[in-house]
Structure formats: C-alpha cells, structure tokens
Amino acid sequence: MPKILEYFGLVFYFYSNDHLPIHLHVSYNEYETIFEIFFEEGKLKDVRERLVPGIDPLPAMQHKEARKVIEVYAEIIVNRWTDFFVLKKKVPIIKITKKL
C-alpha cells in the first residue's frame, strides 16, 4: 500500500492491487474516501468521489482539503500511479508541510 502524499493528517495512498480508473484512497483517522482522477489531453478534467463500503467518508472540512490537494497534485498522482502500476517502481511519499 504505497503512500503518495501526507497533508496535515490526511493520508493519500494506493492499494497495491488497485485497478483503473486511476484513483487513490484518502484517510483521516477512521474516515476514508476514494477519489477518481480523470485526465484529458494532459489536463485534469474531473475528480469524482466514491464511498468505501462500511467506512464513514471524510468529514466535510477534510474532504474539502483532500480535494484541493488532489487538484493541485493531480499530475504527480497520475505519474506516481504510472510509476507504481505500469513501470513497477517504488514511489516516494511527499509530505506537504505548508497549507494550500
């Protein structure tokens, strides 16, 4: 389960056996939401959320922050997805220490 980003208590990660569409799990304490990322012609087109069965979704404030991080770091997330799932590389974690 490679961690991609950490941002003020939010943890962004892939499961090692994940599948398309490109998505990542974001957790905060006992909460979790899945965010799907859609690119078109090299630009972020859409970010969609999915609930995780049996787990409460991110609280509103953390959800808003998670979405902001994903929008800012979308290209890096997609590149990390490709590195991990296609190129079979290790992906380093980015610890974001400044508020967006």
PDB file of N, CA and C in Angstrom:
ATOM      1  N   MET A   1       0.854  -1.169   0.000  1.00  0.00           N
ATOM      2  CA  MET A   1       0.000   0.000   0.000  1.00  0.00           C
ATOM      3  C   MET A   1       0.905   1.238   0.000  1.00  0.00           C
ATOM      4  N   PRO A   2       1.293   1.709  -1.178  1.00  0.00           N
ATOM      5  CA  PRO A   2       2.184   2.865  -1.210  1.00  0.00           C
ATOM      6  C   PRO A   2       1.469   4.172  -0.855  1.00  0.00           C
ATOM      7  N   LYS A   3       2.058   4.873   0.095  1.00  0.00           N
ATOM      8  CA  LYS A   3       1.578   6.206   0.428  1.00  0.00           C
ATOM      9  C   LYS A   3       2.136   7.169  -0.613  1.00  0.00           C
ATOM     10  N   ILE A   4       1.303   8.096  -1.047  1.00  0.00           N
ATOM     11  CA  ILE A   4       1.700   9.051  -2.064  1.00  0.00           C
ATOM     12  C   ILE A   4       1.959  10.415  -1.446  1.00  0.00           C
ATOM     13  N   LEU A   5       1.006  10.859  -0.623  1.00  0.00           N
ATOM     14  CA  LEU A   5       1.073  12.184  -0.012  1.00  0.00           C
ATOM     15  C   LEU A   5       0.611  12.128   1.428  1.00  0.00           C
ATOM     16  N   GLU A   6       1.140  13.044   2.226  1.00  0.00           N
ATOM     17  CA  GLU A   6       0.606  13.301   3.568  1.00  0.00           C
ATOM     18  C   GLU A   6       0.381  14.798   3.669  1.00  0.00           C
ATOM     19  N   TYR A   7      -0.773  15.183   4.217  1.00  0.00           N
ATOM     20  CA  TYR A   7      -1.114  16.594   4.323  1.00  0.00           C
ATOM     21  C   TYR A   7      -1.935  16.817   5.585  1.00  0.00           C
ATOM     22  N   PHE A   8      -1.313  17.303   6.636  1.00  0.00           N
ATOM     23  CA  PHE A   8      -1.986  17.683   7.871  1.00  0.00           C
ATOM     24  C   PHE A   8      -3.005  16.628   8.343  1.00  0.00           C
ATOM     25  N   GLY A   9      -2.538  15.396   8.481  1.00  0.00           N
ATOM     26  CA  GLY A   9      -3.379  14.313   8.984  1.00  0.00           C
ATOM     27  C   GLY A   9      -4.095  13.517   7.909  1.00  0.00           C
ATOM     28  N   LEU A  10      -4.144  14.035   6.696  1.00  0.00           N
ATOM     29  CA  LEU A  10      -4.717  13.289   5.570  1.00  0.00           C
ATOM     30  C   LEU A  10      -3.628  12.423   4.952  1.00  0.00           C
ATOM     31  N   VAL A  11      -3.961  11.175   4.665  1.00  0.00           N
ATOM     32  CA  VAL A  11      -3.007  10.258   4.039  1.00  0.00           C
ATOM     33  C   VAL A  11      -3.607   9.812   2.705  1.00  0.00           C
ATOM     34  N   PHE A  12      -2.824   9.986   1.634  1.00  0.00           N
ATOM     35  CA  PHE A  12      -3.244   9.658   0.275  1.00  0.00           C
ATOM     36  C   PHE A  12      -2.447   8.435  -0.167  1.00  0.00           C
ATOM     37  N   TYR A  13      -3.131   7.381  -0.622  1.00  0.00           N
ATOM     38  CA  TYR A  13      -2.415   6.148  -0.942  1.00  0.00           C
ATOM     39  C   TYR A  13      -3.149   5.327  -1.981  1.00  0.00           C
ATOM     40  N   PHE A  14      -2.413   4.376  -2.581  1.00  0.00           N
ATOM     41  CA  PHE A  14      -2.960   3.368  -3.481  1.00  0.00           C
ATOM     42  C   PHE A  14      -2.946   2.044  -2.739  1.00  0.00           C
ATOM     43  N   TYR A  15      -3.831   1.137  -3.108  1.00  0.00           N
ATOM     44  CA  TYR A  15      -3.681  -0.253  -2.708  1.00  0.00           C
ATOM     45  C   TYR A  15      -2.821  -0.923  -3.759  1.00  0.00           C
ATOM     46  N   SER A  16      -1.984  -1.852  -3.357  1.00  0.00           N
ATOM     47  CA  SER A  16      -1.034  -2.449  -4.294  1.00  0.00           C
ATOM     48  C   SER A  16      -1.704  -3.277  -5.387  1.00  0.00           C
ATOM     49  N   ASN A  17      -2.964  -3.649  -5.213  1.00  0.00           N
ATOM     50  CA  ASN A  17      -3.674  -4.417  -6.243  1.00  0.00           C
ATOM     51  C   ASN A  17      -4.813  -3.599  -6.865  1.00  0.00           C
ATOM     52  N   ASP A  18      -4.667  -2.266  -6.890  1.00  0.00           N
ATOM     53  CA  ASP A  18      -5.726  -1.397  -7.411  1.00  0.00           C
ATOM     54  C   ASP A  18      -5.910  -1.564  -8.911  1.00  0.00           C
ATOM     55  N   HIS A  19      -6.887  -0.898  -9.434  1.00  0.00           N
ATOM     56  CA  HIS A  19      -7.352  -1.057 -10.814  1.00  0.00           C
ATOM     57  C   HIS A  19      -7.749   0.310 -11.360  1.00  0.00           C
ATOM     58  N   LEU A  20      -7.969   0.354 -12.657  1.00  0.00           N
ATOM     59  CA  LEU A  20      -8.470   1.577 -13.278  1.00  0.00           C
ATOM     60  C   LEU A  20      -9.940   1.775 -12.919  1.00  0.00           C
ATOM     61  N   PRO A  21     -10.451   2.987 -12.925  1.00  0.00           N
ATOM     62  CA  PRO A  21      -9.786   4.226 -13.293  1.00  0.00           C
ATOM     63  C   PRO A  21      -8.768   4.628 -12.221  1.00  0.00           C
ATOM     64  N   ILE A  22      -7.866   5.517 -12.611  1.00  0.00           N
ATOM     65  CA  ILE A  22      -6.863   5.995 -11.660  1.00  0.00           C
ATOM     66  C   ILE A  22      -7.600   6.609 -10.478  1.00  0.00           C
ATOM     67  N   HIS A  23      -7.248   6.141  -9.314  1.00  0.00           N
ATOM     68  CA  HIS A  23      -7.888   6.653  -8.097  1.00  0.00           C
ATOM     69  C   HIS A  23      -6.936   6.485  -6.924  1.00  0.00           C
ATOM     70  N   LEU A  24      -7.246   7.183  -5.853  1.00  0.00           N
ATOM     71  CA  LEU A  24      -6.487   6.997  -4.642  1.00  0.00           C
ATOM     72  C   LEU A  24      -7.418   7.074  -3.452  1.00  0.00           C
ATOM     73  N   HIS A  25      -6.987   6.456  -2.395  1.00  0.00           N
ATOM     74  CA  HIS A  25      -7.728   6.437  -1.145  1.00  0.00           C
ATOM     75  C   HIS A  25      -7.172   7.550  -0.277  1.00  0.00           C
ATOM     76  N   VAL A  26      -8.065   8.242   0.393  1.00  0.00           N
ATOM     77  CA  VAL A  26      -7.639   9.296   1.313  1.00  0.00           C
ATOM     78  C   VAL A  26      -8.262   8.985   2.662  1.00  0.00           C
ATOM     79  N   SER A  27      -7.416   8.876   3.674  1.00  0.00           N
ATOM     80  CA  SER A  27      -7.930   8.587   5.011  1.00  0.00           C
ATOM     81  C   SER A  27      -7.553   9.701   5.972  1.00  0.00           C
ATOM     82  N   TYR A  28      -8.389   9.832   6.970  1.00  0.00           N
ATOM     83  CA  TYR A  28      -8.170  10.764   8.071  1.00  0.00           C
ATOM     84  C   TYR A  28      -8.763  10.086   9.297  1.00  0.00           C
ATOM     85  N   ASN A  29      -7.906   9.680  10.212  1.00  0.00           N
ATOM     86  CA  ASN A  29      -8.328   8.881  11.368  1.00  0.00           C
ATOM     87  C   ASN A  29      -9.104   7.662  10.870  1.00  0.00           C
ATOM     88  N   GLU A  30     -10.350   7.482  11.306  1.00  0.00           N
ATOM     89  CA  GLU A  30     -11.104   6.296  10.898  1.00  0.00           C
ATOM     90  C   GLU A  30     -11.955   6.516   9.650  1.00  0.00           C
ATOM     91  N   TYR A  31     -11.807   7.660   9.005  1.00  0.00           N
ATOM     92  CA  TYR A  31     -12.598   8.017   7.821  1.00  0.00           C
ATOM     93  C   TYR A  31     -11.804   7.755   6.546  1.00  0.00           C
ATOM     94  N   GLU A  32     -12.536   7.480   5.461  1.00  0.00           N
ATOM     95  CA  GLU A  32     -11.864   7.234   4.183  1.00  0.00           C
ATOM     96  C   GLU A  32     -12.815   7.543   3.035  1.00  0.00           C
ATOM     97  N   THR A  33     -12.265   8.136   1.977  1.00  0.00           N
ATOM     98  CA  THR A  33     -12.999   8.382   0.736  1.00  0.00           C
ATOM     99  C   THR A  33     -12.063   8.042  -0.412  1.00  0.00           C
ATOM    100  N   ILE A  34     -12.638   7.564  -1.504  1.00  0.00           N
ATOM    101  CA  ILE A  34     -11.871   7.270  -2.713  1.00  0.00           C
ATOM    102  C   ILE A  34     -12.111   8.403  -3.708  1.00  0.00           C
ATOM    103  N   PHE A  35     -11.028   8.881  -4.312  1.00  0.00           N
ATOM    104  CA  PHE A  35     -11.117   9.942  -5.321  1.00  0.00           C
ATOM    105  C   PHE A  35     -10.597   9.392  -6.641  1.00  0.00           C
ATOM    106  N   GLU A  36     -11.433   9.444  -7.673  1.00  0.00           N
ATOM    107  CA  GLU A  36     -11.047   9.029  -9.021  1.00  0.00           C
ATOM    108  C   GLU A  36     -10.587  10.264  -9.783  1.00  0.00           C
ATOM    109  N   ILE A  37      -9.516  10.124 -10.548  1.00  0.00           N
ATOM    110  CA  ILE A  37      -8.920  11.245 -11.267  1.00  0.00           C
ATOM    111  C   ILE A  37      -9.005  10.977 -12.765  1.00  0.00           C
ATOM    112  N   PHE A  38      -9.547  11.950 -13.495  1.00  0.00           N
ATOM    113  CA  PHE A  38      -9.705  11.824 -14.943  1.00  0.00           C
ATOM    114  C   PHE A  38      -8.953  12.947 -15.641  1.00  0.00           C
ATOM    115  N   PHE A  39      -8.012  12.551 -16.520  1.00  0.00           N
ATOM    116  CA  PHE A  39      -7.232  13.486 -17.308  1.00  0.00           C
ATOM    117  C   PHE A  39      -7.677  13.394 -18.759  1.00  0.00           C
ATOM    118  N   GLU A  40      -7.609  14.509 -19.457  1.00  0.00           N
ATOM    119  CA  GLU A  40      -7.886  14.520 -20.886  1.00  0.00           C
ATOM    120  C   GLU A  40      -6.902  15.489 -21.528  1.00  0.00           C
ATOM    121  N   GLU A  41      -6.181  15.011 -22.533  1.00  0.00           N
ATOM    122  CA  GLU A  41      -5.180  15.817 -23.233  1.00  0.00           C
ATOM    123  C   GLU A  41      -4.190  16.457 -22.252  1.00  0.00           C
ATOM    124  N   GLY A  42      -3.782  15.686 -21.261  1.00  0.00           N
ATOM    125  CA  GLY A  42      -2.778  16.141 -20.315  1.00  0.00           C
ATOM    126  C   GLY A  42      -3.256  17.114 -19.255  1.00  0.00           C
ATOM    127  N   LYS A  43      -4.560  17.332 -19.166  1.00  0.00           N
ATOM    128  CA  LYS A  43      -5.109  18.265 -18.174  1.00  0.00           C
ATOM    129  C   LYS A  43      -6.163  17.570 -17.319  1.00  0.00           C
ATOM    130  N   LEU A  44      -6.229  17.985 -16.075  1.00  0.00           N
ATOM    131  CA  LEU A  44      -7.226  17.430 -15.170  1.00  0.00           C
ATOM    132  C   LEU A  44      -8.614  17.797 -15.670  1.00  0.00           C
ATOM    133  N   LYS A  45      -9.421  16.781 -15.925  1.00  0.00           N
ATOM    134  CA  LYS A  45     -10.778  17.009 -16.423  1.00  0.00           C
ATOM    135  C   LYS A  45     -11.802  16.924 -15.303  1.00  0.00           C
ATOM    136  N   ASP A  46     -11.624  15.942 -14.395  1.00  0.00           N
ATOM    137  CA  ASP A  46     -12.634  15.708 -13.375  1.00  0.00           C
ATOM    138  C   ASP A  46     -12.041  14.935 -12.209  1.00  0.00           C
ATOM    139  N   VAL A  47     -12.603  15.158 -11.032  1.00  0.00           N
ATOM    140  CA  VAL A  47     -12.293  14.370  -9.842  1.00  0.00           C
ATOM    141  C   VAL A  47     -13.636  13.933  -9.284  1.00  0.00           C
ATOM    142  N   ARG A  48     -13.813  12.626  -9.129  1.00  0.00           N
ATOM    143  CA  ARG A  48     -15.067  12.082  -8.608  1.00  0.00           C
ATOM    144  C   ARG A  48     -14.791  11.314  -7.331  1.00  0.00           C
ATOM    145  N   GLU A  49     -15.774  11.351  -6.437  1.00  0.00           N
ATOM    146  CA  GLU A  49     -15.624  10.641  -5.172  1.00  0.00           C
ATOM    147  C   GLU A  49     -16.458   9.366  -5.160  1.00  0.00           C
ATOM    148  N   ARG A  50     -15.950   8.390  -4.430  1.00  0.00           N
ATOM    149  CA  ARG A  50     -16.677   7.146  -4.169  1.00  0.00           C
ATOM    150  C   ARG A  50     -16.586   6.855  -2.685  1.00  0.00           C
ATOM    151  N   LEU A  51     -17.634   6.295  -2.146  1.00  0.00           N
ATOM    152  CA  LEU A  51     -17.625   5.884  -0.749  1.00  0.00           C
ATOM    153  C   LEU A  51     -16.969   4.517  -0.628  1.00  0.00           C
ATOM    154  N   VAL A  52     -16.398   4.259   0.532  1.00  0.00           N
ATOM    155  CA  VAL A  52     -15.811   2.961   0.834  1.00  0.00           C
ATOM    156  C   VAL A  52     -16.838   2.211   1.671  1.00  0.00           C
ATOM    157  N   PRO A  53     -17.318   1.060   1.203  1.00  0.00           N
ATOM    158  CA  PRO A  53     -18.336   0.330   1.958  1.00  0.00           C
ATOM    159  C   PRO A  53     -17.889   0.047   3.392  1.00  0.00           C
ATOM    160  N   GLY A  54     -18.760   0.368   4.334  1.00  0.00           N
ATOM    161  CA  GLY A  54     -18.504   0.075   5.742  1.00  0.00           C
ATOM    162  C   GLY A  54     -17.619   1.072   6.458  1.00  0.00           C
ATOM    163  N   ILE A  55     -17.177   2.122   5.756  1.00  0.00           N
ATOM    164  CA  ILE A  55     -16.317   3.136   6.383  1.00  0.00           C
ATOM    165  C   ILE A  55     -16.958   4.505   6.167  1.00  0.00           C
ATOM    166  N   ASP A  56     -16.988   5.301   7.215  1.00  0.00           N
ATOM    167  CA  ASP A  56     -17.549   6.645   7.103  1.00  0.00           C
ATOM    168  C   ASP A  56     -16.665   7.503   6.203  1.00  0.00           C
ATOM    169  N   PRO A  57     -17.287   8.356   5.352  1.00  0.00           N
ATOM    170  CA  PRO A  57     -16.497   9.229   4.478  1.00  0.00           C
ATOM    171  C   PRO A  57     -15.795  10.331   5.266  1.00  0.00           C
ATOM    172  N   LEU A  58     -14.834  10.958   4.622  1.00  0.00           N
ATOM    173  CA  LEU A  58     -14.114  12.062   5.248  1.00  0.00           C
ATOM    174  C   LEU A  58     -15.087  13.134   5.721  1.00  0.00           C
ATOM    175  N   PRO A  59     -14.850  13.725   6.886  1.00  0.00           N
ATOM    176  CA  PRO A  59     -15.661  14.860   7.320  1.00  0.00           C
ATOM    177  C   PRO A  59     -15.531  16.010   6.309  1.00  0.00           C
ATOM    178  N   ALA A  60     -16.500  16.901   6.295  1.00  0.00           N
ATOM    179  CA  ALA A  60     -16.579  17.966   5.283  1.00  0.00           C
ATOM    180  C   ALA A  60     -15.289  18.774   5.153  1.00  0.00           C
ATOM    181  N   MET A  61     -14.713  19.189   6.268  1.00  0.00           N
ATOM    182  CA  MET A  61     -13.501  20.004   6.210  1.00  0.00           C
ATOM    183  C   MET A  61     -12.336  19.228   5.588  1.00  0.00           C
ATOM    184  N   GLN A  62     -12.142  17.981   5.996  1.00  0.00           N
ATOM    185  CA  GLN A  62     -11.054  17.160   5.458  1.00  0.00           C
ATOM    186  C   GLN A  62     -11.327  16.794   3.994  1.00  0.00           C
ATOM    187  N   HIS A  63     -12.592  16.596   3.663  1.00  0.00           N
ATOM    188  CA  HIS A  63     -12.955  16.308   2.270  1.00  0.00           C
ATOM    189  C   HIS A  63     -12.563  17.482   1.371  1.00  0.00           C
ATOM    190  N   LYS A  64     -12.877  18.679   1.803  1.00  0.00           N
ATOM    191  CA  LYS A  64     -12.542  19.888   1.040  1.00  0.00           C
ATOM    192  C   LYS A  64     -11.027  20.014   0.874  1.00  0.00           C
ATOM    193  N   GLU A  65     -10.282  19.782   1.943  1.00  0.00           N
ATOM    194  CA  GLU A  65      -8.824  19.861   1.884  1.00  0.00           C
ATOM    195  C   GLU A  65      -8.246  18.771   0.974  1.00  0.00           C
ATOM    196  N   ALA A  66      -8.787  17.557   1.072  1.00  0.00           N
ATOM    197  CA  ALA A  66      -8.310  16.448   0.245  1.00  0.00           C
ATOM    198  C   ALA A  66      -8.516  16.762  -1.231  1.00  0.00           C
ATOM    199  N   ARG A  67      -9.675  17.272  -1.555  1.00  0.00           N
ATOM    200  CA  ARG A  67      -9.964  17.604  -2.957  1.00  0.00           C
ATOM    201  C   ARG A  67      -9.009  18.689  -3.462  1.00  0.00           C
ATOM    202  N   LYS A  68      -8.723  19.675  -2.633  1.00  0.00           N
ATOM    203  CA  LYS A  68      -7.800  20.750  -3.004  1.00  0.00           C
ATOM    204  C   LYS A  68      -6.409  20.170  -3.282  1.00  0.00           C
ATOM    205  N   VAL A  69      -5.939  19.293  -2.401  1.00  0.00           N
ATOM    206  CA  VAL A  69      -4.628  18.661  -2.587  1.00  0.00           C
ATOM    207  C   VAL A  69      -4.614  17.869  -3.895  1.00  0.00           C
ATOM    208  N   ILE A  70      -5.655  17.109  -4.155  1.00  0.00           N
ATOM    209  CA  ILE A  70      -5.716  16.299  -5.371  1.00  0.00           C
ATOM    210  C   ILE A  70      -5.698  17.187  -6.610  1.00  0.00           C
ATOM    211  N   GLU A  71      -6.419  18.284  -6.578  1.00  0.00           N
ATOM    212  CA  GLU A  71      -6.424  19.181  -7.738  1.00  0.00           C
ATOM    213  C   GLU A  71      -5.042  19.790  -7.976  1.00  0.00           C
ATOM    214  N   VAL A  72      -4.342  20.158  -6.917  1.00  0.00           N
ATOM    215  CA  VAL A  72      -3.007  20.751  -7.053  1.00  0.00           C
ATOM    216  C   VAL A  72      -1.974  19.697  -7.469  1.00  0.00           C
ATOM    217  N   TYR A  73      -2.072  18.489  -6.931  1.00  0.00           N
ATOM    218  CA  TYR A  73      -1.073  17.441  -7.152  1.00  0.00           C
ATOM    219  C   TYR A  73      -1.526  16.363  -8.140  1.00  0.00           C
ATOM    220  N   ALA A  74      -2.557  16.621  -8.923  1.00  0.00           N
ATOM    221  CA  ALA A  74      -3.131  15.598  -9.816  1.00  0.00           C
ATOM    222  C   ALA A  74      -2.097  15.002 -10.767  1.00  0.00           C
ATOM    223  N   GLU A  75      -1.296  15.828 -11.376  1.00  0.00           N
ATOM    224  CA  GLU A  75      -0.307  15.317 -12.327  1.00  0.00           C
ATOM    225  C   GLU A  75       0.713  14.419 -11.633  1.00  0.00           C
ATOM    226  N   ILE A  76       1.143  14.812 -10.460  1.00  0.00           N
ATOM    227  CA  ILE A  76       2.087  13.990  -9.695  1.00  0.00           C
ATOM    228  C   ILE A  76       1.435  12.665  -9.310  1.00  0.00           C
ATOM    229  N   ILE A  77       0.171  12.701  -8.898  1.00  0.00           N
ATOM    230  CA  ILE A  77      -0.538  11.469  -8.521  1.00  0.00           C
ATOM    231  C   ILE A  77      -0.619  10.517  -9.705  1.00  0.00           C
ATOM    232  N   VAL A  78      -0.987  11.038 -10.870  1.00  0.00           N
ATOM    233  CA  VAL A  78      -1.088  10.202 -12.073  1.00  0.00           C
ATOM    234  C   VAL A  78       0.283   9.642 -12.447  1.00  0.00           C
ATOM    235  N   ASN A  79       1.318  10.465 -12.329  1.00  0.00           N
ATOM    236  CA  ASN A  79       2.669   9.969 -12.618  1.00  0.00           C
ATOM    237  C   ASN A  79       3.079   8.879 -11.632  1.00  0.00           C
ATOM    238  N   ARG A  80       2.717   9.041 -10.367  1.00  0.00           N
ATOM    239  CA  ARG A  80       3.038   8.017  -9.358  1.00  0.00           C
ATOM    240  C   ARG A  80       2.263   6.729  -9.652  1.00  0.00           C
ATOM    241  N   TRP A  81       1.009   6.855 -10.083  1.00  0.00           N
ATOM    242  CA  TRP A  81       0.200   5.685 -10.456  1.00  0.00           C
ATOM    243  C   TRP A  81       0.917   4.915 -11.572  1.00  0.00           C
ATOM    244  N   THR A  82       1.342   5.644 -12.601  1.00  0.00           N
ATOM    245  CA  THR A  82       2.035   5.024 -13.729  1.00  0.00           C
ATOM    246  C   THR A  82       3.341   4.381 -13.277  1.00  0.00           C
ATOM    247  N   ASP A  83       4.104   5.110 -12.472  1.00  0.00           N
ATOM    248  CA  ASP A  83       5.360   4.544 -11.971  1.00  0.00           C
ATOM    249  C   ASP A  83       5.118   3.245 -11.213  1.00  0.00           C
ATOM    250  N   PHE A  84       4.126   3.230 -10.341  1.00  0.00           N
ATOM    251  CA  PHE A  84       3.900   2.061  -9.488  1.00  0.00           C
ATOM    252  C   PHE A  84       3.253   0.902 -10.240  1.00  0.00           C
ATOM    253  N   PHE A  85       2.160   1.170 -10.952  1.00  0.00           N
ATOM    254  CA  PHE A  85       1.395   0.079 -11.561  1.00  0.00           C
ATOM    255  C   PHE A  85       1.888  -0.345 -12.934  1.00  0.00           C
ATOM    256  N   VAL A  86       2.461   0.576 -13.699  1.00  0.00           N
ATOM    257  CA  VAL A  86       2.912   0.236 -15.051  1.00  0.00           C
ATOM    258  C   VAL A  86       4.410  -0.072 -15.069  1.00  0.00           C
ATOM    259  N   LEU A  87       5.188   0.826 -14.491  1.00  0.00           N
ATOM    260  CA  LEU A  87       6.642   0.669 -14.532  1.00  0.00           C
ATOM    261  C   LEU A  87       7.200  -0.139 -13.363  1.00  0.00           C
ATOM    262  N   LYS A  88       6.332  -0.465 -12.405  1.00  0.00           N
ATOM    263  CA  LYS A  88       6.708  -1.294 -11.247  1.00  0.00           C
ATOM    264  C   LYS A  88       7.846  -0.677 -10.424  1.00  0.00           C
ATOM    265  N   LYS A  89       7.805   0.641 -10.283  1.00  0.00           N
ATOM    266  CA  LYS A  89       8.810   1.357  -9.498  1.00  0.00           C
ATOM    267  C   LYS A  89       8.281   1.646  -8.103  1.00  0.00           C
ATOM    268  N   LYS A  90       9.202   1.840  -7.180  1.00  0.00           N
ATOM    269  CA  LYS A  90       8.832   2.344  -5.855  1.00  0.00           C
ATOM    270  C   LYS A  90       8.491   3.823  -6.011  1.00  0.00           C
ATOM    271  N   VAL A  91       7.518   4.276  -5.224  1.00  0.00           N
ATOM    272  CA  VAL A  91       7.159   5.695  -5.288  1.00  0.00           C
ATOM    273  C   VAL A  91       7.374   6.327  -3.920  1.00  0.00           C
ATOM    274  N   PRO A  92       8.099   7.432  -3.891  1.00  0.00           N
ATOM    275  CA  PRO A  92       8.353   8.101  -2.614  1.00  0.00           C
ATOM    276  C   PRO A  92       7.134   8.901  -2.162  1.00  0.00           C
ATOM    277  N   ILE A  93       7.040   9.112  -0.876  1.00  0.00           N
ATOM    278  CA  ILE A  93       5.954   9.894  -0.302  1.00  0.00           C
ATOM    279  C   ILE A  93       6.347  11.372  -0.292  1.00  0.00           C
ATOM    280  N   ILE A  94       5.371  12.216  -0.511  1.00  0.00           N
ATOM    281  CA  ILE A  94       5.561  13.658  -0.404  1.00  0.00           C
ATOM    282  C   ILE A  94       4.831  14.107   0.850  1.00  0.00           C
ATOM    283  N   LYS A  95       5.556  14.729   1.759  1.00  0.00           N
ATOM    284  CA  LYS A  95       4.952  15.265   2.977  1.00  0.00           C
ATOM    285  C   LYS A  95       4.786  16.771   2.780  1.00  0.00           C
ATOM    286  N   ILE A  96       3.543  17.197   2.666  1.00  0.00           N
ATOM    287  CA  ILE A  96       3.247  18.607   2.424  1.00  0.00           C
ATOM    288  C   ILE A  96       3.116  19.286   3.785  1.00  0.00           C
ATOM    289  N   THR A  97       3.959  20.277   4.018  1.00  0.00           N
ATOM    290  CA  THR A  97       4.000  20.916   5.338  1.00  0.00           C
ATOM    291  C   THR A  97       3.494  22.356   5.319  1.00  0.00           C
ATOM    292  N   LYS A  98       3.100  22.842   4.148  1.00  0.00           N
ATOM    293  CA  LYS A  98       2.545  24.192   4.053  1.00  0.00           C
ATOM    294  C   LYS A  98       1.101  24.098   3.587  1.00  0.00           C
ATOM    295  N   LYS A  99       0.226  24.877   4.196  1.00  0.00           N
ATOM    296  CA  LYS A  99      -1.189  24.884   3.817  1.00  0.00           C
ATOM    297  C   LYS A  99      -1.346  25.358   2.384  1.00  0.00           C
ATOM    298  N   LEU A 100      -2.236  24.724   1.672  1.00  0.00           N
ATOM    299  CA  LEU A 100      -2.548  25.131   0.298  1.00  0.00           C
ATOM    300  C   LEU A 100      -3.608  26.214   0.301  1.00  0.00           C
TER     301      LEU A 100
END
